[in-house]
Amino acid sequence: MGDEVWVARVYISEKDHGRRRSLLKEMLAILHDEVKLPGVIVFRGIAGFGASGEVHAADMLRLTVDLPEVIEFFDAPDAVAAAIARLAPMVPPGHIIHWPATRHGQ
């Protein structure tokens, strides 16, 4: 069997900004330097829309793009809870989700 972990996803936009730099870079620094997660992956979407209903998509006709980004990570439940607590004030409510999973091969 494996050990219990939580998987978390944070939904942001590439134009979102933190206090000093892009929100993505700020969140990665927090997860790496403060929370010290063993790994994080970022997915950049090719299209998406949020609550506003405005579709953002990568295509040749648009000069400026505001594509969706997803930050995903997993670790022990207490570590993921600490990461979520640290990131939650930086994003709108409902933009972070998590669920239990099993890590195999440990």
C-alpha atoms as a PDB file:
ATOM      1  CA  MET A   1       0.000   0.000   0.000  1.00  0.00           C
ATOM      2  CA  GLY A   2       1.039   3.661  -0.060  1.00  0.00           C
ATOM      3  CA  ASP A   3       0.848   6.619   2.257  1.00  0.00           C
ATOM      4  CA  GLU A   4      -1.928   9.197   2.474  1.00  0.00           C
ATOM      5  CA  VAL A   5      -1.306  12.576   0.819  1.00  0.00           C
ATOM      6  CA  TRP A   6      -3.382  15.543  -0.255  1.00  0.00           C
ATOM      7  CA  VAL A   7      -3.251  16.898  -3.793  1.00  0.00           C
ATOM      8  CA  ALA A   8      -3.935  20.615  -4.219  1.00  0.00           C
ATOM      9  CA  ARG A   9      -4.588  22.828  -7.221  1.00  0.00           C
ATOM     10  CA  VAL A  10      -4.511  26.611  -7.337  1.00  0.00           C
ATOM     11  CA  TYR A  11      -6.197  28.340 -10.268  1.00  0.00           C
ATOM     12  CA  ILE A  12      -4.747  31.704 -11.332  1.00  0.00           C
ATOM     13  CA  SER A  13      -4.234  33.753 -14.471  1.00  0.00           C
ATOM     14  CA  GLU A  14      -0.886  34.612 -16.023  1.00  0.00           C
ATOM     15  CA  LYS A  15      -1.596  38.344 -15.658  1.00  0.00           C
ATOM     16  CA  ASP A  16      -2.291  38.092 -11.912  1.00  0.00           C
ATOM     17  CA  HIS A  17       0.242  39.964  -9.828  1.00  0.00           C
ATOM     18  CA  GLY A  18       1.470  39.551  -6.300  1.00  0.00           C
ATOM     19  CA  ARG A  19       3.001  42.292  -4.225  1.00  0.00           C
ATOM     20  CA  ARG A  20       6.316  42.580  -6.087  1.00  0.00           C
ATOM     21  CA  ARG A  21       6.153  40.264  -9.094  1.00  0.00           C
ATOM     22  CA  SER A  22       3.871  37.893 -10.963  1.00  0.00           C
ATOM     23  CA  LEU A  23       1.564  35.933  -8.702  1.00  0.00           C
ATOM     24  CA  LEU A  24       2.919  32.673 -10.116  1.00  0.00           C
ATOM     25  CA  LYS A  25       6.511  33.553  -9.207  1.00  0.00           C
ATOM     26  CA  GLU A  26       5.473  34.768  -5.779  1.00  0.00           C
ATOM     27  CA  MET A  27       3.535  31.572  -5.057  1.00  0.00           C
ATOM     28  CA  LEU A  28       6.364  29.347  -6.291  1.00  0.00           C
ATOM     29  CA  ALA A  29       8.800  31.172  -4.008  1.00  0.00           C
ATOM     30  CA  ILE A  30       6.468  30.650  -1.032  1.00  0.00           C
ATOM     31  CA  LEU A  31       5.977  26.948  -1.772  1.00  0.00           C
ATOM     32  CA  HIS A  32       9.705  26.414  -2.306  1.00  0.00           C
ATOM     33  CA  ASP A  33      11.306  28.692   0.301  1.00  0.00           C
ATOM     34  CA  GLU A  34       8.728  28.931   3.097  1.00  0.00           C
ATOM     35  CA  VAL A  35       6.553  25.810   2.950  1.00  0.00           C
ATOM     36  CA  LYS A  36       9.417  23.723   1.505  1.00  0.00           C
ATOM     37  CA  LEU A  37       7.299  21.353  -0.550  1.00  0.00           C
ATOM     38  CA  PRO A  38       9.264  18.583  -2.281  1.00  0.00           C
ATOM     39  CA  GLY A  39       7.827  19.462  -5.690  1.00  0.00           C
ATOM     40  CA  VAL A  40       5.356  21.652  -7.560  1.00  0.00           C
ATOM     41  CA  ILE A  41       4.194  21.669 -11.176  1.00  0.00           C
ATOM     42  CA  VAL A  42       2.597  24.486 -13.156  1.00  0.00           C
ATOM     43  CA  PHE A  43       0.276  23.909 -16.088  1.00  0.00           C
ATOM     44  CA  ARG A  44      -0.423  26.706 -18.574  1.00  0.00           C
ATOM     45  CA  GLY A  45      -3.782  26.370 -20.246  1.00  0.00           C
ATOM     46  CA  ILE A  46      -4.379  27.059 -23.923  1.00  0.00           C
ATOM     47  CA  ALA A  47      -7.857  28.412 -23.195  1.00  0.00           C
ATOM     48  CA  GLY A  48     -10.251  28.974 -20.348  1.00  0.00           C
ATOM     49  CA  PHE A  49     -12.822  31.244 -18.747  1.00  0.00           C
ATOM     50  CA  GLY A  50     -13.779  32.180 -15.222  1.00  0.00           C
ATOM     51  CA  ALA A  51     -16.723  33.717 -13.443  1.00  0.00           C
ATOM     52  CA  SER A  52     -16.812  36.689 -15.827  1.00  0.00           C
ATOM     53  CA  GLY A  53     -17.469  34.331 -18.737  1.00  0.00           C
ATOM     54  CA  GLU A  54     -14.784  36.007 -20.847  1.00  0.00           C
ATOM     55  CA  VAL A  55     -12.878  33.384 -22.833  1.00  0.00           C
ATOM     56  CA  HIS A  56      -9.098  33.700 -22.819  1.00  0.00           C
ATOM     57  CA  ALA A  57      -7.368  31.697 -25.540  1.00  0.00           C
ATOM     58  CA  ALA A  58      -3.996  31.451 -27.233  1.00  0.00           C
ATOM     59  CA  ASP A  59      -4.323  32.217 -30.909  1.00  0.00           C
ATOM     60  CA  MET A  60      -2.361  33.990 -33.607  1.00  0.00           C
ATOM     61  CA  LEU A  61      -4.672  37.034 -33.721  1.00  0.00           C
ATOM     62  CA  ARG A  62      -4.247  38.158 -30.120  1.00  0.00           C
ATOM     63  CA  LEU A  63      -1.243  40.239 -29.161  1.00  0.00           C
ATOM     64  CA  THR A  64      -1.880  40.074 -25.438  1.00  0.00           C
ATOM     65  CA  VAL A  65      -2.926  36.855 -23.807  1.00  0.00           C
ATOM     66  CA  ASP A  66      -4.123  36.179 -20.289  1.00  0.00           C
ATOM     67  CA  LEU A  67      -4.111  32.391 -20.148  1.00  0.00           C
ATOM     68  CA  PRO A  68      -5.106  30.264 -17.176  1.00  0.00           C
ATOM     69  CA  GLU A  69      -2.405  28.669 -15.021  1.00  0.00           C
ATOM     70  CA  VAL A  70      -2.766  25.836 -12.548  1.00  0.00           C
ATOM     71  CA  ILE A  71      -0.280  25.227  -9.740  1.00  0.00           C
ATOM     72  CA  GLU A  72      -0.441  21.621  -8.503  1.00  0.00           C
ATOM     73  CA  PHE A  73       1.357  19.921  -5.638  1.00  0.00           C
ATOM     74  CA  PHE A  74       0.971  17.079  -3.169  1.00  0.00           C
ATOM     75  CA  ASP A  75       2.432  16.171   0.185  1.00  0.00           C
ATOM     76  CA  ALA A  76       1.381  15.054   3.652  1.00  0.00           C
ATOM     77  CA  PRO A  77      -1.997  16.531   4.637  1.00  0.00           C
ATOM     78  CA  ASP A  78      -0.479  18.888   7.239  1.00  0.00           C
ATOM     79  CA  ALA A  79       2.045  20.280   4.736  1.00  0.00           C
ATOM     80  CA  VAL A  80      -0.634  20.852   2.093  1.00  0.00           C
ATOM     81  CA  ALA A  81      -2.903  22.480   4.685  1.00  0.00           C
ATOM     82  CA  ALA A  82      -0.046  24.846   5.605  1.00  0.00           C
ATOM     83  CA  ALA A  83       0.539  25.663   1.931  1.00  0.00           C
ATOM     84  CA  ILE A  84      -3.153  26.332   1.345  1.00  0.00           C
ATOM     85  CA  ALA A  85      -3.326  28.582   4.406  1.00  0.00           C
ATOM     86  CA  ARG A  86      -0.382  30.588   3.086  1.00  0.00           C
ATOM     87  CA  LEU A  87      -1.707  30.880  -0.508  1.00  0.00           C
ATOM     88  CA  ALA A  88      -5.442  31.356   0.141  1.00  0.00           C
ATOM     89  CA  PRO A  89      -5.248  35.105   0.909  1.00  0.00           C
ATOM     90  CA  MET A  90      -3.568  35.662  -2.478  1.00  0.00           C
ATOM     91  CA  VAL A  91      -6.386  34.304  -4.672  1.00  0.00           C
ATOM     92  CA  PRO A  92     -10.157  34.793  -4.871  1.00  0.00           C
ATOM     93  CA  PRO A  93     -12.294  32.415  -2.782  1.00  0.00           C
ATOM     94  CA  GLY A  94     -12.836  29.049  -4.440  1.00  0.00           C
ATOM     95  CA  HIS A  95      -9.630  29.109  -6.503  1.00  0.00           C
ATOM     96  CA  ILE A  96      -7.896  26.433  -4.423  1.00  0.00           C
ATOM     97  CA  ILE A  97      -9.101  22.858  -4.264  1.00  0.00           C
ATOM     98  CA  HIS A  98      -7.654  19.748  -2.630  1.00  0.00           C
ATOM     99  CA  TRP A  99      -8.466  16.078  -2.247  1.00  0.00           C
ATOM    100  CA  PRO A 100      -6.996  13.007  -0.578  1.00  0.00           C
ATOM    101  CA  ALA A 101      -4.865  10.607  -2.597  1.00  0.00           C
ATOM    102  CA  THR A 102      -2.500   7.704  -2.072  1.00  0.00           C
ATOM    103  CA  ARG A 103       1.209   7.909  -2.919  1.00  0.00           C
ATOM    104  CA  HIS A 104       2.454   4.562  -4.208  1.00  0.00           C
ATOM    105  CA  GLY A 105       5.958   3.201  -4.149  1.00  0.00           C
ATOM    106  CA  GLN A 106       6.951   4.523  -0.749  1.00  0.00           C
END
